C-alpha atoms as a PDB file:
ATOM      1  CA  THR A   1      -3.665   1.370 -10.315  1.00  0.00           C
ATOM      2  CA  ALA A   2      -0.153   1.092 -11.725  1.00  0.00           C
ATOM      3  CA  LEU A   3      -1.174  -1.107 -14.614  1.00  0.00           C
ATOM      4  CA  ALA A   4      -4.741  -0.205 -15.486  1.00  0.00           C
ATOM      5  CA  ILE A   5      -6.095   3.070 -14.122  1.00  0.00           C
ATOM      6  CA  ASP A   6      -5.258   5.222 -17.153  1.00  0.00           C
ATOM      7  CA  THR A   7      -6.945   2.752 -19.501  1.00  0.00           C
ATOM      8  CA  LEU A   8      -9.959   2.382 -17.199  1.00  0.00           C
ATOM      9  CA  ARG A   9     -10.409   6.140 -16.907  1.00  0.00           C
ATOM     10  CA  ALA A  10     -10.198   6.532 -20.701  1.00  0.00           C
ATOM     11  CA  THR A  11     -12.561   3.637 -21.362  1.00  0.00           C
ATOM     12  CA  HIS A  12     -15.102   4.600 -18.674  1.00  0.00           C
ATOM     13  CA  PRO A  13     -14.986   8.394 -18.285  1.00  0.00           C
ATOM     14  CA  ASP A  14     -18.358   8.359 -16.502  1.00  0.00           C
ATOM     15  CA  LEU A  15     -17.123   6.150 -13.628  1.00  0.00           C
ATOM     16  CA  PRO A  16     -14.999   7.375 -10.729  1.00  0.00           C
ATOM     17  CA  PHE A  17     -11.772   5.446 -10.157  1.00  0.00           C
ATOM     18  CA  ILE A  18      -9.784   5.947  -6.977  1.00  0.00           C
ATOM     19  CA  GLY A  19      -6.108   5.297  -7.569  1.00  0.00           C
ATOM     20  CA  VAL A  20      -3.947   3.667  -4.936  1.00  0.00           C
ATOM     21  CA  GLU A  21      -0.278   4.517  -5.352  1.00  0.00           C
ATOM     22  CA  PRO A  22       2.627   4.167  -2.929  1.00  0.00           C
ATOM     23  CA  ALA A  23       2.842   7.115  -0.509  1.00  0.00           C
ATOM     24  CA  LEU A  24       6.134   8.448  -1.853  1.00  0.00           C
ATOM     25  CA  LYS A  25       5.180  12.133  -1.679  1.00  0.00           C
ATOM     26  CA  PRO A  26       4.333  12.055   2.045  1.00  0.00           C
ATOM     27  CA  ALA A  27       7.421   9.895   2.686  1.00  0.00           C
ATOM     28  CA  ALA A  28       9.635  12.442   0.909  1.00  0.00           C
ATOM     29  CA  ALA A  29       8.219  15.179   3.134  1.00  0.00           C
ATOM     30  CA  LEU A  30       8.666  13.093   6.284  1.00  0.00           C
ATOM     31  CA  THR A  31      12.086  11.475   5.868  1.00  0.00           C
ATOM     32  CA  ARG A  32      14.788  12.829   8.151  1.00  0.00           C
ATOM     33  CA  ASN A  33      17.799  11.421   6.301  1.00  0.00           C
ATOM     34  CA  GLY A  34      16.546  11.253   2.690  1.00  0.00           C
ATOM     35  CA  HIS A  35      16.638   7.428   2.605  1.00  0.00           C
ATOM     36  CA  ILE A  36      13.267   5.882   1.805  1.00  0.00           C
ATOM     37  CA  GLY A  37      12.371   2.251   1.273  1.00  0.00           C
ATOM     38  CA  VAL A  38       9.382   1.007  -0.696  1.00  0.00           C
ATOM     39  CA  PHE A  39       7.757  -2.397  -0.322  1.00  0.00           C
ATOM     40  CA  ALA A  40       5.451  -3.020  -3.303  1.00  0.00           C
ATOM     41  CA  THR A  41       4.179  -5.754  -5.558  1.00  0.00           C
ATOM     42  CA  ARG A  42       6.251  -6.732  -8.573  1.00  0.00           C
ATOM     43  CA  GLY A  43       3.562  -5.340 -10.900  1.00  0.00           C
ATOM     44  CA  THR A  44       3.806  -1.927  -9.244  1.00  0.00           C
ATOM     45  CA  VAL A  45       7.611  -1.945  -9.146  1.00  0.00           C
ATOM     46  CA  GLN A  46       7.874  -2.794 -12.839  1.00  0.00           C
ATOM     47  CA  SER A  47       5.258  -0.300 -14.024  1.00  0.00           C
ATOM     48  CA  ALA A  48       5.989   2.862 -15.962  1.00  0.00           C
ATOM     49  CA  ARG A  49       3.566   4.739 -13.689  1.00  0.00           C
ATOM     50  CA  PHE A  50       5.679   3.875 -10.616  1.00  0.00           C
ATOM     51  CA  ALA A  51       8.879   4.987 -12.374  1.00  0.00           C
ATOM     52  CA  GLN A  52       7.170   8.292 -13.184  1.00  0.00           C
ATOM     53  CA  LEU A  53       6.057   8.653  -9.563  1.00  0.00           C
ATOM     54  CA  ILE A  54       9.622   8.190  -8.288  1.00  0.00           C
ATOM     55  CA  ALA A  55      10.995  10.620 -10.883  1.00  0.00           C
ATOM     56  CA  GLY A  56       8.374  13.217  -9.986  1.00  0.00           C
ATOM     57  CA  VAL A  57       9.011  12.918  -6.258  1.00  0.00           C
ATOM     58  CA  ASN A  58      12.770  13.208  -6.789  1.00  0.00           C
ATOM     59  CA  ALA A  59      12.345  16.267  -9.023  1.00  0.00           C
ATOM     60  CA  ALA A  60      10.118  18.010  -6.473  1.00  0.00           C
ATOM     61  CA  ALA A  61      12.251  17.164  -3.437  1.00  0.00           C
ATOM     62  CA  HIS A  62      13.981  19.966  -1.578  1.00  0.00           C
ATOM     63  CA  HIS A  63      16.816  17.630  -0.585  1.00  0.00           C
ATOM     64  CA  PRO A  64      18.444  14.590  -2.191  1.00  0.00           C
ATOM     65  CA  LEU A  65      16.330  11.444  -1.944  1.00  0.00           C
ATOM     66  CA  HIS A  66      17.564   7.889  -2.137  1.00  0.00           C
ATOM     67  CA  VAL A  67      14.674   5.511  -2.835  1.00  0.00           C
ATOM     68  CA  ARG A  68      15.244   1.776  -2.500  1.00  0.00           C
ATOM     69  CA  VAL A  69      12.500  -0.391  -3.949  1.00  0.00           C
ATOM     70  CA  GLN A  70      11.783  -4.010  -3.088  1.00  0.00           C
ATOM     71  CA  ALA A  71       9.285  -6.194  -4.938  1.00  0.00           C
ATOM     72  CA  CYS A  72       7.730  -8.283  -2.164  1.00  0.00           C
ATOM     73  CA  ASP A  73       6.792 -11.500  -3.914  1.00  0.00           C
ATOM     74  CA  GLY A  74       4.473 -13.647  -1.810  1.00  0.00           C
ATOM     75  CA  LEU A  75       3.824 -11.112   0.955  1.00  0.00           C
ATOM     76  CA  ALA A  76       0.326 -10.046  -0.154  1.00  0.00           C
ATOM     77  CA  ASP A  77      -0.645 -13.688  -0.635  1.00  0.00           C
ATOM     78  CA  ALA A  78       0.572 -14.618   2.867  1.00  0.00           C
ATOM     79  CA  ILE A  79      -1.409 -11.697   4.316  1.00  0.00           C
ATOM     80  CA  GLU A  80      -4.538 -12.765   2.430  1.00  0.00           C
ATOM     81  CA  ARG A  81      -4.185 -16.305   3.745  1.00  0.00           C
ATOM     82  CA  ASP A  82      -3.645 -14.896   7.274  1.00  0.00           C
ATOM     83  CA  ASP A  83      -0.511 -17.064   7.495  1.00  0.00           C
ATOM     84  CA  VAL A  84       1.366 -15.321  10.306  1.00  0.00           C
ATOM     85  CA  GLN A  85       4.529 -17.399   9.903  1.00  0.00           C
ATOM     86  CA  ALA A  86       4.668 -16.874   6.130  1.00  0.00           C
ATOM     87  CA  VAL A  87       4.099 -13.127   6.589  1.00  0.00           C
ATOM     88  CA  LEU A  88       7.043 -12.959   8.990  1.00  0.00           C
ATOM     89  CA  GLU A  89       9.279 -15.052   6.711  1.00  0.00           C
ATOM     90  CA  ARG A  90       8.421 -13.067   3.556  1.00  0.00           C
ATOM     91  CA  ALA A  91       8.718  -9.697   5.319  1.00  0.00           C
ATOM     92  CA  THR A  92      12.076 -10.651   6.865  1.00  0.00           C
ATOM     93  CA  HIS A  93      13.401 -11.829   3.508  1.00  0.00           C
ATOM     94  CA  HIS A  94      12.306  -8.641   1.731  1.00  0.00           C
ATOM     95  CA  TRP A  95      13.613  -6.378   4.508  1.00  0.00           C
ATOM     96  CA  LYS A  96      17.059  -8.014   4.173  1.00  0.00           C
ATOM     97  CA  GLN A  97      16.913  -7.714   0.370  1.00  0.00           C
ATOM     98  CA  LEU A  98      16.057  -4.020   0.654  1.00  0.00           C
ATOM     99  CA  HIS A  99      19.099  -3.323   2.809  1.00  0.00           C
ATOM    100  CA  GLN A 100      21.452  -5.417   0.685  1.00  0.00           C
ATOM    101  CA  GLN A 101      20.768  -3.156  -2.304  1.00  0.00           C
ATOM    102  CA  HIS A 102      23.043  -0.407  -0.941  1.00  0.00           C
ATOM    103  CA  PRO A 103      24.719  -1.572   2.279  1.00  0.00           C
ATOM    104  CA  GLU A 104      27.124   1.374   2.136  1.00  0.00           C
ATOM    105  CA  ARG A 105      24.289   3.919   2.499  1.00  0.00           C
ATOM    106  CA  PRO A 106      22.600   4.918   5.746  1.00  0.00           C
ATOM    107  CA  HIS A 107      19.584   2.882   6.772  1.00  0.00           C
ATOM    108  CA  ILE A 108      16.202   4.011   5.583  1.00  0.00           C
ATOM    109  CA  ASP A 109      14.149   5.986   8.083  1.00  0.00           C
ATOM    110  CA  THR A 110      10.846   5.717   6.193  1.00  0.00           C
ATOM    111  CA  LEU A 111       9.267   2.612   4.657  1.00  0.00           C
ATOM    112  CA  VAL A 112       6.400   3.029   2.205  1.00  0.00           C
ATOM    113  CA  LEU A 113       3.885   0.193   2.278  1.00  0.00           C
ATOM    114  CA  GLY A 114       3.065   0.231  -1.427  1.00  0.00           C
ATOM    115  CA  CYS A 115       0.342  -2.399  -1.486  1.00  0.00           C
ATOM    116  CA  THR A 116      -3.148  -2.268   0.006  1.00  0.00           C
ATOM    117  CA  HIS A 117      -2.487  -5.560   1.828  1.00  0.00           C
ATOM    118  CA  TYR A 118       0.667  -4.503   3.661  1.00  0.00           C
ATOM    119  CA  PRO A 119      -0.968  -2.329   6.353  1.00  0.00           C
ATOM    120  CA  PHE A 120      -2.667  -5.510   7.595  1.00  0.00           C
ATOM    121  CA  ALA A 121       0.837  -6.700   8.559  1.00  0.00           C
ATOM    122  CA  ARG A 122       1.831  -3.324  10.056  1.00  0.00           C
ATOM    123  CA  ASP A 123       2.670  -4.718  13.510  1.00  0.00           C
ATOM    124  CA  THR A 124       4.936  -7.407  12.043  1.00  0.00           C
ATOM    125  CA  LEU A 125       6.623  -4.918   9.704  1.00  0.00           C
ATOM    126  CA  GLN A 126       7.126  -2.317  12.436  1.00  0.00           C
ATOM    127  CA  ALA A 127       8.676  -4.907  14.756  1.00  0.00           C
ATOM    128  CA  LEU A 128      10.984  -5.979  11.938  1.00  0.00           C
ATOM    129  CA  CYS A 129      12.014  -2.430  10.986  1.00  0.00           C
ATOM    130  CA  GLY A 130      12.355  -1.126  14.514  1.00  0.00           C
ATOM    131  CA  PRO A 131      10.929   1.982  16.153  1.00  0.00           C
ATOM    132  CA  ASP A 132      13.134   4.435  14.228  1.00  0.00           C
ATOM    133  CA  VAL A 133      11.541   3.595  10.866  1.00  0.00           C
ATOM    134  CA  VAL A 134       8.248   5.326  10.059  1.00  0.00           C
ATOM    135  CA  LEU A 135       5.774   3.238   8.045  1.00  0.00           C
ATOM    136  CA  MET A 136       3.716   5.090   5.443  1.00  0.00           C
ATOM    137  CA  ASP A 137       0.601   3.814   3.702  1.00  0.00           C
ATOM    138  CA  THR A 138      -2.266   5.332   1.761  1.00  0.00           C
ATOM    139  CA  GLY A 139      -5.218   3.764   3.592  1.00  0.00           C
ATOM    140  CA  GLU A 140      -6.604   6.884   5.252  1.00  0.00           C
ATOM    141  CA  PRO A 141      -6.025   9.296   2.337  1.00  0.00           C
ATOM    142  CA  VAL A 142      -7.632   6.816  -0.080  1.00  0.00           C
ATOM    143  CA  ALA A 143     -10.601   6.374   2.265  1.00  0.00           C
ATOM    144  CA  ARG A 144     -11.034  10.164   2.527  1.00  0.00           C
ATOM    145  CA  ARG A 145     -10.838  10.516  -1.264  1.00  0.00           C
ATOM    146  CA  THR A 146     -13.343   7.686  -1.754  1.00  0.00           C
ATOM    147  CA  ARG A 147     -15.736   9.318   0.724  1.00  0.00           C
ATOM    148  CA  ALA A 148     -15.431  12.647  -1.129  1.00  0.00           C
ATOM    149  CA  VAL A 149     -15.911  11.146  -4.602  1.00  0.00           C
ATOM    150  CA  LEU A 150     -18.943   9.148  -3.463  1.00  0.00           C
ATOM    151  CA  LYS A 151     -20.240  12.186  -1.553  1.00  0.00           C
ATOM    152  CA  LEU A 152     -20.649  10.192   1.658  1.00  0.00           C
ATOM    153  CA  PRO A 153     -21.225  12.047   4.927  1.00  0.00           C
ATOM    154  CA  ALA A 154     -18.398  12.295   7.426  1.00  0.00           C
ATOM    155  CA  ALA A 155     -18.237   9.551  10.044  1.00  0.00           C
ATOM    156  CA  THR A 156     -20.346  10.352  13.085  1.00  0.00           C
ATOM    157  CA  GLY A 157     -19.483   7.358  15.219  1.00  0.00           C
ATOM    158  CA  GLU A 158     -22.809   5.734  14.395  1.00  0.00           C
ATOM    159  CA  GLU A 159     -22.833   2.424  12.612  1.00  0.00           C
ATOM    160  CA  ASN A 160     -23.439   2.643   8.881  1.00  0.00           C
ATOM    161  CA  THR A 161     -26.671   0.900   7.936  1.00  0.00           C
ATOM    162  CA  ALA A 162     -26.323   1.345   4.172  1.00  0.00           C
ATOM    163  CA  PRO A 163     -25.934  -1.896   2.241  1.00  0.00           C
ATOM    164  CA  LEU A 164     -22.423  -2.802   1.181  1.00  0.00           C
ATOM    165  CA  THR A 165     -21.794  -4.408  -2.185  1.00  0.00           C
ATOM    166  CA  LEU A 166     -18.386  -5.898  -2.904  1.00  0.00           C
ATOM    167  CA  LEU A 167     -17.348  -7.258  -6.287  1.00  0.00           C
ATOM    168  CA  CYS A 168     -14.316  -9.333  -7.153  1.00  0.00           C
ATOM    169  CA  THR A 169     -12.744 -11.089 -10.084  1.00  0.00           C
ATOM    170  CA  GLY A 170     -11.195 -13.806  -7.912  1.00  0.00           C
ATOM    171  CA  GLU A 171     -12.515 -16.426  -5.537  1.00  0.00           C
ATOM    172  CA  VAL A 172     -15.704 -15.283  -3.804  1.00  0.00           C
ATOM    173  CA  SER A 173     -14.857 -17.413  -0.756  1.00  0.00           C
ATOM    174  CA  SER A 174     -11.612 -15.444  -0.350  1.00  0.00           C
ATOM    175  CA  LEU A 175     -13.582 -12.193  -0.461  1.00  0.00           C
ATOM    176  CA  HIS A 176     -15.993 -13.524   2.182  1.00  0.00           C
ATOM    177  CA  ARG A 177     -13.098 -14.461   4.501  1.00  0.00           C
ATOM    178  CA  ALA A 178     -11.406 -11.089   3.959  1.00  0.00           C
ATOM    179  CA  THR A 179     -14.545  -9.063   4.708  1.00  0.00           C
ATOM    180  CA  ALA A 180     -15.162 -11.051   7.863  1.00  0.00           C
ATOM    181  CA  ARG A 181     -11.554 -10.752   9.070  1.00  0.00           C
ATOM    182  CA  TRP A 182     -10.762  -7.166   8.040  1.00  0.00           C
ATOM    183  CA  LEU A 183     -14.124  -5.418   8.037  1.00  0.00           C
ATOM    184  CA  GLY A 184     -15.984  -7.459  10.626  1.00  0.00           C
ATOM    185  CA  VAL A 185     -18.759  -7.957   8.067  1.00  0.00           C
ATOM    186  CA  GLU A 186     -20.345 -11.312   7.315  1.00  0.00           C
ATOM    187  CA  ALA A 187     -20.838 -11.562   3.557  1.00  0.00           C
ATOM    188  CA  MET A 188     -24.132 -12.824   2.214  1.00  0.00           C
ATOM    189  CA  GLY A 189     -24.724 -14.664  -1.026  1.00  0.00           C
END
């Protein structure tokens, strides 16, 4: 989203694109002390779109916000590989880096999970952060938006029998493993 969505929307105006951006707006509304942390990929952190998002959230805030941002190199990859030890090591490293940015400031009370992979390590991240830090991600809002754009009916508790087509630009075997692990769906073909 951070690097390509504007270009994709301009190039393909007839296709719907669902953007996934860090949940800074909900975090700004939720924080109790105005200190928010963001875990994101380096591409997101370095993008102009992310800088604009932070500036917009700060401008709209009703109280001073202090946003600390940490590029979490290697964390998404460790999550994809389902390497529990590497996830813990990377998350611990990045959590320490986040707090070393401004050790004189109060601890963050809200951590934005700014990558679609990070919620899959939610339990590890919550244990690392402690119970006083609220984790924010965009999974549910993005799913609701996707359902609305595709005009899908609301969930009824019944299993969906519609065919699912997934496309990727990377390794197909990685996609097959991910769909089996995260969606409980065995990929075919």
